[in-house]
Protein backbone atom coordinates (compact mmCIF):
# COMPACT_ATOMS: atom_id res chain seq x y z
CA UNK A 1 0.00 0.00 0.00
CA UNK A 2 0.89 3.63 -0.31
CA UNK A 3 2.74 5.25 2.57
CA UNK A 4 1.33 8.42 4.09
CA UNK A 5 3.51 11.51 4.68
CA UNK A 6 4.21 10.61 8.32
CA UNK A 7 5.43 7.14 7.40
CA UNK A 8 7.58 8.45 4.58
CA UNK A 9 9.21 11.01 6.88
CA UNK A 10 9.77 8.35 9.53
CA UNK A 11 11.76 6.20 7.14
CA UNK A 12 13.60 9.15 5.56
CA UNK A 13 16.60 8.71 7.89
CA UNK A 14 18.44 5.54 8.85
CA UNK A 15 19.79 4.96 12.37
CA UNK A 16 23.37 5.60 11.26
CA UNK A 17 22.41 8.95 9.69
CA UNK A 18 21.22 10.64 12.88
CA UNK A 19 23.35 12.15 15.64
CA UNK A 20 20.43 13.30 17.75
CA UNK A 21 16.77 12.57 18.39
CA UNK A 22 14.07 15.08 19.24
CA UNK A 23 11.03 14.39 21.35
CA UNK A 24 8.35 17.05 21.14
CA UNK A 25 4.77 17.04 22.38
CA UNK A 26 1.69 19.24 22.24
CA UNK A 27 2.54 21.02 25.52
CA UNK A 28 5.58 22.55 23.82
CA UNK A 29 8.14 20.37 25.56
CA UNK A 30 11.06 19.66 23.24
CA UNK A 31 13.97 17.45 24.24
CA UNK A 32 17.03 16.84 22.05
CA UNK A 33 19.19 13.86 22.98
CA UNK A 34 22.13 12.10 21.37
CA UNK A 35 20.92 9.09 19.40
CA UNK A 36 23.46 7.01 21.34
CA UNK A 37 21.07 7.27 24.33
CA UNK A 38 18.83 4.82 22.47
CA UNK A 39 21.51 2.77 20.68
CA UNK A 40 20.97 -0.28 22.87
CA UNK A 41 18.95 -1.51 25.84
CA UNK A 42 19.87 -2.86 29.25
CA UNK A 43 17.73 -4.79 31.73
CA UNK A 44 16.91 -3.05 35.01
CA UNK A 45 14.84 -4.30 37.95
CA UNK A 46 11.31 -2.96 38.31
CA UNK A 47 9.27 -4.37 41.20
CA UNK A 48 9.46 -8.15 40.69
CA UNK A 49 10.63 -8.15 37.05
CA UNK A 50 13.43 -6.84 34.85
CA UNK A 51 12.54 -4.50 31.99
CA UNK A 52 14.52 -3.28 28.99
CA UNK A 53 15.41 0.42 29.12
CA UNK A 54 17.51 2.60 26.81
CA UNK A 55 21.22 2.38 27.61
CA UNK A 56 21.24 6.17 28.05
CA UNK A 57 18.23 6.21 30.38
CA UNK A 58 20.02 8.42 32.93
CA UNK A 59 20.67 11.24 30.43
CA UNK A 60 17.12 10.90 29.07
CA UNK A 61 15.59 11.23 32.56
CA UNK A 62 17.91 14.08 33.57
CA UNK A 63 17.01 16.03 30.43
CA UNK A 64 13.28 15.48 30.95
CA UNK A 65 12.98 15.78 34.76
CA UNK A 66 16.21 17.44 35.96
CA UNK A 67 19.26 16.20 37.81
CA UNK A 68 17.17 15.35 40.89
CA UNK A 69 14.83 12.99 39.04
CA UNK A 70 15.41 10.26 41.64
CA UNK A 71 13.95 12.40 44.44
CA UNK A 72 10.21 11.59 44.72
CA UNK A 73 7.87 14.57 44.40
CA UNK A 74 4.13 14.86 44.82
CA UNK A 75 3.29 17.07 41.86
CA UNK A 76 -0.14 15.80 40.82
CA UNK A 77 -1.14 14.35 37.51
CA UNK A 78 -3.43 15.00 34.60
CA UNK A 79 -5.69 12.20 35.82
CA UNK A 80 -6.52 10.47 39.06
CA UNK A 81 -5.62 6.97 40.11
CA UNK A 82 -8.39 5.79 42.43
CA UNK A 83 -6.68 2.44 42.97
CA UNK A 84 -3.80 4.22 44.70
CA UNK A 85 -6.19 5.71 47.26
CA UNK A 86 -6.90 2.22 48.60
CA UNK A 87 -3.18 1.38 48.76
CA UNK A 88 -2.51 4.72 50.47
CA UNK A 89 -5.22 3.99 53.05
CA UNK A 90 -3.79 0.51 53.78
CA UNK A 91 -0.26 1.90 54.11
CA UNK A 92 -1.46 4.66 56.43
CA UNK A 93 -3.28 2.08 58.61
CA UNK A 94 -0.09 0.00 58.77
CA UNK A 95 1.89 3.00 59.96
CA UNK A 96 -0.72 3.89 62.58
CA UNK A 97 -1.02 0.29 63.85
CA UNK A 98 2.75 0.20 64.35
CA UNK A 99 2.90 3.56 66.13
CA UNK A 100 4.63 5.30 63.25
CA UNK A 101 3.99 8.72 61.78
CA UNK A 102 2.78 8.60 58.18
CA UNK A 103 5.35 10.60 56.13
CA UNK A 104 3.96 13.80 54.62
CA UNK A 105 5.74 13.10 51.32
CA UNK A 106 3.51 10.05 50.84
CA UNK A 107 0.41 12.26 50.64
């Protein structure tokens, strides 16, 4: 079948032809990263499994979220996760039952 313009532009460059990749979205965020950040994947632990991530994941996350990306922040979201409310309630009960103060950063 015929390719549309988006598909044709996608295949216009080969991996070896690009030094950088750009990620842009409708909010105006634009990130430019070296293509080497995505040249390979490595397996990292996530909960009870290991998942493939880009070999340059650290530079990707630092560019997107800042150098302190590993420090948890409660910044809200564009949508709500009601299932987390139940988990939060259970965790809070566990803290209270064990005479512990529920950390403010968890809220």
